[in-house]
Amino acid sequence: MAELRRPAALLLDLDGTLVDSEPVHREAYRRFFRARGWEHDDALLSLFTGRRADDVFASTPGPWSAEDPTALFHEVVSHHPHDLLPEPVAGARELVDDACARGIPCVLVTSAGRRWAVAALELLGGSERFAAMVTREDVTEGKPAPDGYLLAIRTLGVRAEDCLVAEDTPAGVRAGRAAGVGTVVGVTTSFSAEALREAGADVVLPDLNGLTSPA
């Protein structure tokens, strides 16, 4: 168990951190690439994990370079596999329950849209359990830029160094680190422990069962 100093707030990523939805999103990308006739592999799909799709399309050379990144993002969304349903990451519901019981505010900081975020949080008891949500629509620059975490910190009026971030991707870990957050926890649902540590994670766990804070 990773027993950590009680944080002023939990700043939590969604996909791959609270809900095991990365396989769902990867399948959407696979269907999108197949429909386009574009070659793809796991290394390419990893570029999109934890980041806003339009940011990747805009910044990464590829067969999409001449096209509008926003239109491509909406095209990916249209391939969302409704036949696949995510489950909570182990320990996620308990972590949110514990934080609520202790009066520790939780803020969602996600590269996903608000509609998906609200639906996904139903798996954890509903979005109303979170003090705030920061989604892709709320920031100019997505992860690995720190904008989302900085907005969450300003919204709560707490010090960055007193907060804890939980993330499953190097891009998310770098975002939390760049925001000056005191503790960044990496969850190895999507990337290796080595990749998360290299990105700057202080603690790496297989899921959220091992994440506790003193009363």
Protein backbone atom coordinates (compact mmCIF):
# COMPACT_ATOMS: atom_id res chain seq x y z
CA MET A 1 0.00 0.00 0.00
CA ALA A 2 1.16 3.53 -0.75
CA GLU A 3 0.27 5.57 2.31
CA LEU A 4 0.67 9.22 1.39
CA ARG A 5 0.36 12.52 3.21
CA ARG A 6 -3.27 13.64 3.31
CA PRO A 7 -3.74 15.83 0.22
CA ALA A 8 -5.74 19.05 0.05
CA ALA A 9 -7.43 17.63 -3.05
CA LEU A 10 -7.39 14.65 -5.40
CA LEU A 11 -7.02 15.66 -9.04
CA LEU A 12 -8.01 12.58 -10.99
CA ASP A 13 -7.76 11.62 -14.63
CA LEU A 14 -10.69 9.64 -16.02
CA ASP A 15 -9.90 7.18 -18.83
CA GLY A 16 -7.53 4.46 -17.67
CA THR A 17 -7.32 5.94 -14.18
CA LEU A 18 -10.84 5.85 -12.79
CA VAL A 19 -12.52 3.77 -15.50
CA ASP A 20 -10.94 1.06 -17.64
CA SER A 21 -12.06 2.71 -20.87
CA GLU A 22 -8.81 2.91 -22.84
CA PRO A 23 -9.62 -0.37 -24.69
CA VAL A 24 -12.92 1.24 -25.77
CA HIS A 25 -11.18 4.37 -27.04
CA ARG A 26 -8.45 2.36 -28.80
CA GLU A 27 -11.11 0.38 -30.63
CA ALA A 28 -12.68 3.65 -31.79
CA TYR A 29 -9.30 4.70 -33.22
CA ARG A 30 -8.83 1.29 -34.88
CA ARG A 31 -12.23 1.57 -36.56
CA PHE A 32 -11.45 5.13 -37.63
CA PHE A 33 -8.08 4.18 -39.16
CA ARG A 34 -9.58 1.13 -40.89
CA ALA A 35 -12.39 3.23 -42.35
CA ARG A 36 -9.81 5.68 -43.67
CA GLY A 37 -7.60 2.94 -45.06
CA TRP A 38 -4.66 4.21 -43.00
CA GLU A 39 -2.09 1.85 -41.53
CA HIS A 40 -1.88 1.79 -37.75
CA ASP A 41 -0.29 -0.16 -34.92
CA ASP A 42 -0.16 -0.04 -31.13
CA ALA A 43 2.68 2.50 -31.18
CA LEU A 44 0.59 4.90 -33.23
CA LEU A 45 -2.50 4.40 -31.08
CA SER A 46 -0.40 5.12 -27.97
CA LEU A 47 0.22 8.64 -29.26
CA PHE A 48 -3.46 9.40 -28.71
CA THR A 49 -3.76 7.82 -25.26
CA GLY A 50 -4.37 10.43 -22.57
CA ARG A 51 -4.39 13.31 -25.06
CA ARG A 52 -6.99 15.22 -27.04
CA ALA A 53 -7.22 13.67 -30.50
CA ASP A 54 -7.25 17.00 -32.29
CA ASP A 55 -4.05 18.06 -30.51
CA VAL A 56 -2.31 14.92 -31.78
CA PHE A 57 -3.65 15.35 -35.31
CA ALA A 58 -2.47 18.96 -35.31
CA SER A 59 1.03 18.31 -33.95
CA THR A 60 2.01 14.90 -35.33
CA PRO A 61 2.82 14.31 -39.02
CA GLY A 62 0.72 11.63 -40.65
CA PRO A 63 -1.70 10.88 -43.49
CA TRP A 64 -4.09 13.31 -41.79
CA SER A 65 -1.76 16.32 -42.03
CA ALA A 66 -3.75 18.17 -44.72
CA GLU A 67 -7.07 17.73 -42.92
CA ASP A 68 -8.87 19.67 -40.21
CA PRO A 69 -7.93 18.26 -36.76
CA THR A 70 -11.29 19.13 -35.21
CA ALA A 71 -13.21 17.38 -37.98
CA LEU A 72 -10.98 14.33 -37.56
CA PHE A 73 -11.68 14.30 -33.81
CA HIS A 74 -15.43 14.22 -34.44
CA GLU A 75 -14.90 11.44 -36.98
CA VAL A 76 -13.09 9.36 -34.35
CA VAL A 77 -15.96 9.95 -31.90
CA SER A 78 -18.42 8.68 -34.53
CA HIS A 79 -16.62 5.32 -34.42
CA HIS A 80 -17.11 4.91 -30.66
CA PRO A 81 -17.88 1.20 -30.07
CA HIS A 82 -21.16 1.21 -28.17
CA ASP A 83 -20.92 -2.58 -27.96
CA LEU A 84 -18.00 -2.24 -25.51
CA LEU A 85 -18.65 -1.03 -21.97
CA PRO A 86 -15.93 0.06 -19.52
CA GLU A 87 -15.66 -0.96 -15.87
CA PRO A 88 -14.25 1.03 -12.95
CA VAL A 89 -10.53 0.58 -12.35
CA ALA A 90 -10.00 -1.54 -9.23
CA GLY A 91 -10.13 0.66 -6.15
CA ALA A 92 -11.56 3.71 -7.93
CA ARG A 93 -14.97 3.63 -6.27
CA GLU A 94 -13.36 3.05 -2.87
CA LEU A 95 -10.95 5.94 -3.39
CA VAL A 96 -13.77 8.37 -4.19
CA ASP A 97 -15.85 7.01 -1.29
CA ASP A 98 -12.92 7.50 1.08
CA ALA A 99 -12.22 11.03 -0.14
CA CYS A 100 -15.85 12.04 0.22
CA ALA A 101 -16.00 10.59 3.73
CA ARG A 102 -12.87 12.50 4.75
CA GLY A 103 -13.88 15.77 3.18
CA ILE A 104 -11.11 15.68 0.57
CA PRO A 105 -12.42 17.25 -2.66
CA CYS A 106 -12.05 15.32 -5.90
CA VAL A 107 -11.71 17.10 -9.22
CA LEU A 108 -11.84 15.31 -12.55
CA VAL A 109 -9.20 16.50 -15.02
CA THR A 110 -9.70 14.74 -18.34
CA SER A 111 -8.88 15.02 -22.04
CA ALA A 112 -12.35 13.66 -22.75
CA GLY A 113 -15.48 15.68 -23.41
CA ARG A 114 -17.96 16.58 -20.70
CA ARG A 115 -20.72 14.34 -22.06
CA TRP A 116 -18.51 11.22 -21.86
CA ALA A 117 -17.14 12.27 -18.47
CA VAL A 118 -20.58 12.61 -16.91
CA ALA A 119 -21.67 9.23 -18.32
CA ALA A 120 -18.48 7.46 -17.21
CA LEU A 121 -18.68 8.85 -13.67
CA GLU A 122 -22.03 7.11 -13.21
CA LEU A 123 -19.86 4.01 -12.67
CA LEU A 124 -18.47 5.73 -9.56
CA GLY A 125 -21.70 7.06 -8.11
CA GLY A 126 -22.19 10.12 -10.30
CA SER A 127 -20.41 13.33 -11.23
CA GLU A 128 -22.06 15.18 -8.33
CA ARG A 129 -19.54 13.50 -6.03
CA PHE A 130 -16.81 15.59 -7.64
CA ALA A 131 -16.18 19.17 -6.54
CA ALA A 132 -15.50 20.17 -10.16
CA MET A 133 -14.78 18.77 -13.60
CA VAL A 134 -12.21 20.04 -16.08
CA THR A 135 -12.76 18.56 -19.55
CA ARG A 136 -11.34 19.08 -23.04
CA GLU A 137 -13.72 21.99 -23.61
CA ASP A 138 -12.38 23.96 -20.65
CA VAL A 139 -8.74 24.44 -21.74
CA THR A 140 -6.85 25.81 -24.69
CA GLU A 141 -3.96 23.37 -24.40
CA GLY A 142 -4.55 19.72 -23.52
CA LYS A 143 -2.23 17.33 -21.71
CA PRO A 144 0.80 17.21 -21.45
CA ALA A 145 0.29 20.96 -20.99
CA PRO A 146 -0.61 21.71 -17.34
CA ASP A 147 -3.62 23.90 -18.17
CA GLY A 148 -6.26 21.46 -16.91
CA TYR A 149 -4.56 20.88 -13.58
CA LEU A 150 -3.82 24.57 -13.10
CA LEU A 151 -7.51 25.35 -13.71
CA ALA A 152 -8.54 22.67 -11.18
CA ILE A 153 -6.16 24.11 -8.58
CA ARG A 154 -7.44 27.68 -9.15
CA THR A 155 -11.03 26.49 -8.95
CA LEU A 156 -10.46 24.89 -5.54
CA GLY A 157 -8.24 27.70 -4.23
CA VAL A 158 -5.63 25.26 -2.90
CA ARG A 159 -1.85 25.10 -3.24
CA ALA A 160 -0.54 22.89 -6.03
CA GLU A 161 2.09 21.34 -3.77
CA ASP A 162 -0.66 20.13 -1.42
CA CYS A 163 -2.54 18.21 -4.14
CA LEU A 164 -2.30 14.65 -5.45
CA VAL A 165 -2.69 13.73 -9.12
CA ALA A 166 -3.48 10.20 -10.36
CA GLU A 167 -2.78 9.48 -14.05
CA ASP A 168 -2.28 6.47 -16.31
CA THR A 169 -0.32 8.07 -19.16
CA PRO A 170 3.04 9.82 -19.54
CA ALA A 171 1.23 12.85 -21.00
CA GLY A 172 -0.96 13.09 -17.91
CA VAL A 173 1.92 12.59 -15.51
CA ARG A 174 3.87 15.35 -17.25
CA ALA A 175 0.84 17.64 -17.02
CA GLY A 176 0.55 17.12 -13.27
CA ARG A 177 4.29 17.56 -12.81
CA ALA A 178 4.30 20.77 -14.87
CA ALA A 179 1.45 22.13 -12.74
CA GLY A 180 3.68 21.85 -9.66
CA VAL A 181 1.52 19.23 -7.94
CA GLY A 182 3.13 17.77 -4.82
CA THR A 183 2.46 14.08 -5.52
CA VAL A 184 1.89 12.42 -8.89
CA VAL A 185 0.73 8.79 -8.85
CA GLY A 186 1.04 6.71 -12.00
CA VAL A 187 -1.39 3.83 -12.61
CA THR A 188 -0.11 1.10 -14.93
CA THR A 189 -3.38 0.31 -16.70
CA SER A 190 -2.15 1.74 -20.03
CA PHE A 191 1.63 2.21 -19.84
CA SER A 192 4.53 0.53 -18.08
CA ALA A 193 5.79 1.56 -14.67
CA GLU A 194 9.08 2.57 -16.32
CA ALA A 195 7.33 4.91 -18.76
CA LEU A 196 5.35 6.56 -15.97
CA ARG A 197 8.42 6.98 -13.76
CA GLU A 198 10.38 8.46 -16.66
CA ALA A 199 7.55 10.97 -17.14
CA GLY A 200 7.89 12.01 -13.48
CA ALA A 201 5.55 9.85 -11.38
CA ASP A 202 6.48 9.76 -7.69
CA VAL A 203 4.60 6.53 -7.01
CA VAL A 204 3.52 3.82 -9.47
CA LEU A 205 0.67 1.40 -8.71
CA PRO A 206 -1.13 -1.32 -10.70
CA ASP A 207 -4.54 0.16 -9.85
CA LEU A 208 -6.11 2.40 -7.21
CA ASN A 209 -6.46 -0.26 -4.51
CA GLY A 210 -3.06 0.72 -3.15
CA LEU A 211 -3.77 4.43 -2.88
CA THR A 212 -4.59 5.56 0.65
CA SER A 213 -4.01 8.71 2.66
CA PRO A 214 -3.76 9.16 6.42
CA ALA A 215 -6.93 10.22 8.23
